[in-house]
């Protein structure tokens, strides 16, 4: 089975497990469950970034049902999702930098 943009390259089993756990694609991408420090600022950053990814993902799902999605749309969405993930990791680094 070929992966589509809304599966974010998850295997079929991973996608089913995420759906059962009611974890959004954005939450899964940013790893909202991983915060060893328990810092609430880290939770906030991850939730905001997850929300952005979920917003993009829902937009692509809606667009695919209405107009269809071109390969250019998919490339731009994938790039944007990677940039959100990079921003999230950079902000977490800023908030946790000790040296």
C-alpha atoms as a PDB file:
ATOM      1  CA  UNK A   1       0.000   0.000   0.000  1.00  0.00           C
ATOM      2  CA  UNK A   2       1.422   3.361  -0.997  1.00  0.00           C
ATOM      3  CA  UNK A   3       1.724   6.014   1.705  1.00  0.00           C
ATOM      4  CA  UNK A   4      -0.157   9.239   1.180  1.00  0.00           C
ATOM      5  CA  UNK A   5       0.481  12.720   2.558  1.00  0.00           C
ATOM      6  CA  UNK A   6      -1.949  12.251   5.438  1.00  0.00           C
ATOM      7  CA  UNK A   7      -0.121   9.164   6.662  1.00  0.00           C
ATOM      8  CA  UNK A   8       3.187  11.073   6.990  1.00  0.00           C
ATOM      9  CA  UNK A   9       5.037   7.941   5.865  1.00  0.00           C
ATOM     10  CA  UNK A  10       3.719   5.837   8.741  1.00  0.00           C
ATOM     11  CA  UNK A  11       3.338   2.139   8.221  1.00  0.00           C
ATOM     12  CA  UNK A  12      -0.209   0.878   8.152  1.00  0.00           C
ATOM     13  CA  UNK A  13       0.223  -0.612  11.639  1.00  0.00           C
ATOM     14  CA  UNK A  14       1.624   2.676  13.008  1.00  0.00           C
ATOM     15  CA  UNK A  15      -1.251   4.643  11.489  1.00  0.00           C
ATOM     16  CA  UNK A  16      -3.797   2.257  13.029  1.00  0.00           C
ATOM     17  CA  UNK A  17      -2.086   2.398  16.423  1.00  0.00           C
ATOM     18  CA  UNK A  18      -2.054   6.207  16.332  1.00  0.00           C
ATOM     19  CA  UNK A  19      -5.746   6.288  15.438  1.00  0.00           C
ATOM     20  CA  UNK A  20      -6.605   3.932  18.292  1.00  0.00           C
ATOM     21  CA  UNK A  21      -4.636   5.999  20.779  1.00  0.00           C
ATOM     22  CA  UNK A  22      -6.330   9.164  19.451  1.00  0.00           C
ATOM     23  CA  UNK A  23      -2.934  10.745  18.985  1.00  0.00           C
ATOM     24  CA  UNK A  24      -2.851  13.242  16.149  1.00  0.00           C
ATOM     25  CA  UNK A  25      -0.263  13.149  13.389  1.00  0.00           C
ATOM     26  CA  UNK A  26       1.199  16.408  14.731  1.00  0.00           C
ATOM     27  CA  UNK A  27       1.487  15.042  18.269  1.00  0.00           C
ATOM     28  CA  UNK A  28       3.206  11.963  16.944  1.00  0.00           C
ATOM     29  CA  UNK A  29       5.647  13.942  14.780  1.00  0.00           C
ATOM     30  CA  UNK A  30       6.776  16.263  17.592  1.00  0.00           C
ATOM     31  CA  UNK A  31       6.744  13.560  20.254  1.00  0.00           C
ATOM     32  CA  UNK A  32       4.448  15.217  22.784  1.00  0.00           C
ATOM     33  CA  UNK A  33       4.906  12.319  25.195  1.00  0.00           C
ATOM     34  CA  UNK A  34       8.674  12.843  25.398  1.00  0.00           C
ATOM     35  CA  UNK A  35       9.563  15.501  27.953  1.00  0.00           C
ATOM     36  CA  UNK A  36      11.976  14.048  30.507  1.00  0.00           C
ATOM     37  CA  UNK A  37      12.257  17.366  32.343  1.00  0.00           C
ATOM     38  CA  UNK A  38       8.485  17.704  32.746  1.00  0.00           C
ATOM     39  CA  UNK A  39       8.875  21.404  31.868  1.00  0.00           C
ATOM     40  CA  UNK A  40       5.484  22.936  31.023  1.00  0.00           C
ATOM     41  CA  UNK A  41       7.117  25.319  28.518  1.00  0.00           C
ATOM     42  CA  UNK A  42       8.325  22.311  26.546  1.00  0.00           C
ATOM     43  CA  UNK A  43       4.810  20.863  26.579  1.00  0.00           C
ATOM     44  CA  UNK A  44       3.441  24.181  25.278  1.00  0.00           C
ATOM     45  CA  UNK A  45       5.993  24.376  22.438  1.00  0.00           C
ATOM     46  CA  UNK A  46       5.269  20.816  21.383  1.00  0.00           C
ATOM     47  CA  UNK A  47       1.498  21.294  21.487  1.00  0.00           C
ATOM     48  CA  UNK A  48       1.708  24.488  19.404  1.00  0.00           C
ATOM     49  CA  UNK A  49       3.895  22.815  16.795  1.00  0.00           C
ATOM     50  CA  UNK A  50       1.663  19.724  16.763  1.00  0.00           C
ATOM     51  CA  UNK A  51      -1.309  21.999  16.155  1.00  0.00           C
ATOM     52  CA  UNK A  52       0.423  23.616  13.164  1.00  0.00           C
ATOM     53  CA  UNK A  53       1.207  20.221  11.652  1.00  0.00           C
ATOM     54  CA  UNK A  54      -2.363  19.037  12.256  1.00  0.00           C
ATOM     55  CA  UNK A  55      -3.716  22.196  10.623  1.00  0.00           C
ATOM     56  CA  UNK A  56      -1.598  21.584   7.512  1.00  0.00           C
ATOM     57  CA  UNK A  57      -2.534  17.921   7.443  1.00  0.00           C
ATOM     58  CA  UNK A  58      -6.259  18.659   7.663  1.00  0.00           C
ATOM     59  CA  UNK A  59      -5.921  21.292   4.936  1.00  0.00           C
ATOM     60  CA  UNK A  60      -4.326  18.724   2.627  1.00  0.00           C
ATOM     61  CA  UNK A  61      -7.030  16.163   3.392  1.00  0.00           C
ATOM     62  CA  UNK A  62      -9.747  18.727   2.664  1.00  0.00           C
ATOM     63  CA  UNK A  63      -7.982  19.894  -0.495  1.00  0.00           C
ATOM     64  CA  UNK A  64      -7.572  16.350  -1.766  1.00  0.00           C
ATOM     65  CA  UNK A  65     -11.314  15.769  -1.399  1.00  0.00           C
ATOM     66  CA  UNK A  66     -12.243  19.037  -3.078  1.00  0.00           C
ATOM     67  CA  UNK A  67      -9.673  19.865  -5.771  1.00  0.00           C
ATOM     68  CA  UNK A  68      -7.045  17.186  -5.581  1.00  0.00           C
ATOM     69  CA  UNK A  69      -3.467  17.582  -4.475  1.00  0.00           C
ATOM     70  CA  UNK A  70      -0.555  18.015  -6.826  1.00  0.00           C
ATOM     71  CA  UNK A  71       2.891  16.659  -6.171  1.00  0.00           C
ATOM     72  CA  UNK A  72       4.020  20.266  -5.641  1.00  0.00           C
ATOM     73  CA  UNK A  73       1.453  20.661  -2.841  1.00  0.00           C
ATOM     74  CA  UNK A  74       2.788  17.508  -1.215  1.00  0.00           C
ATOM     75  CA  UNK A  75       6.402  18.653  -1.491  1.00  0.00           C
ATOM     76  CA  UNK A  76       5.581  22.048   0.031  1.00  0.00           C
ATOM     77  CA  UNK A  77       3.600  20.456   2.865  1.00  0.00           C
ATOM     78  CA  UNK A  78       6.369  17.988   3.654  1.00  0.00           C
ATOM     79  CA  UNK A  79       8.928  20.802   3.688  1.00  0.00           C
ATOM     80  CA  UNK A  80       6.733  22.939   5.942  1.00  0.00           C
ATOM     81  CA  UNK A  81       6.210  20.051   8.356  1.00  0.00           C
ATOM     82  CA  UNK A  82       9.970  19.486   8.541  1.00  0.00           C
ATOM     83  CA  UNK A  83      10.514  23.190   9.213  1.00  0.00           C
ATOM     84  CA  UNK A  84       7.950  23.129  12.038  1.00  0.00           C
ATOM     85  CA  UNK A  85       9.715  20.104  13.505  1.00  0.00           C
ATOM     86  CA  UNK A  86      13.102  21.850  13.218  1.00  0.00           C
ATOM     87  CA  UNK A  87      11.691  24.972  14.866  1.00  0.00           C
ATOM     88  CA  UNK A  88      10.216  22.896  17.688  1.00  0.00           C
ATOM     89  CA  UNK A  89      13.540  21.193  18.348  1.00  0.00           C
ATOM     90  CA  UNK A  90      15.410  24.511  18.248  1.00  0.00           C
ATOM     91  CA  UNK A  91      13.019  26.164  20.690  1.00  0.00           C
ATOM     92  CA  UNK A  92      13.293  23.194  23.047  1.00  0.00           C
ATOM     93  CA  UNK A  93      17.077  23.534  22.843  1.00  0.00           C
ATOM     94  CA  UNK A  94      16.862  27.228  23.736  1.00  0.00           C
ATOM     95  CA  UNK A  95      14.595  26.471  26.692  1.00  0.00           C
ATOM     96  CA  UNK A  96      16.760  23.652  28.032  1.00  0.00           C
ATOM     97  CA  UNK A  97      20.285  24.916  27.230  1.00  0.00           C
ATOM     98  CA  UNK A  98      22.397  24.746  30.403  1.00  0.00           C
ATOM     99  CA  UNK A  99      25.909  25.784  29.361  1.00  0.00           C
END
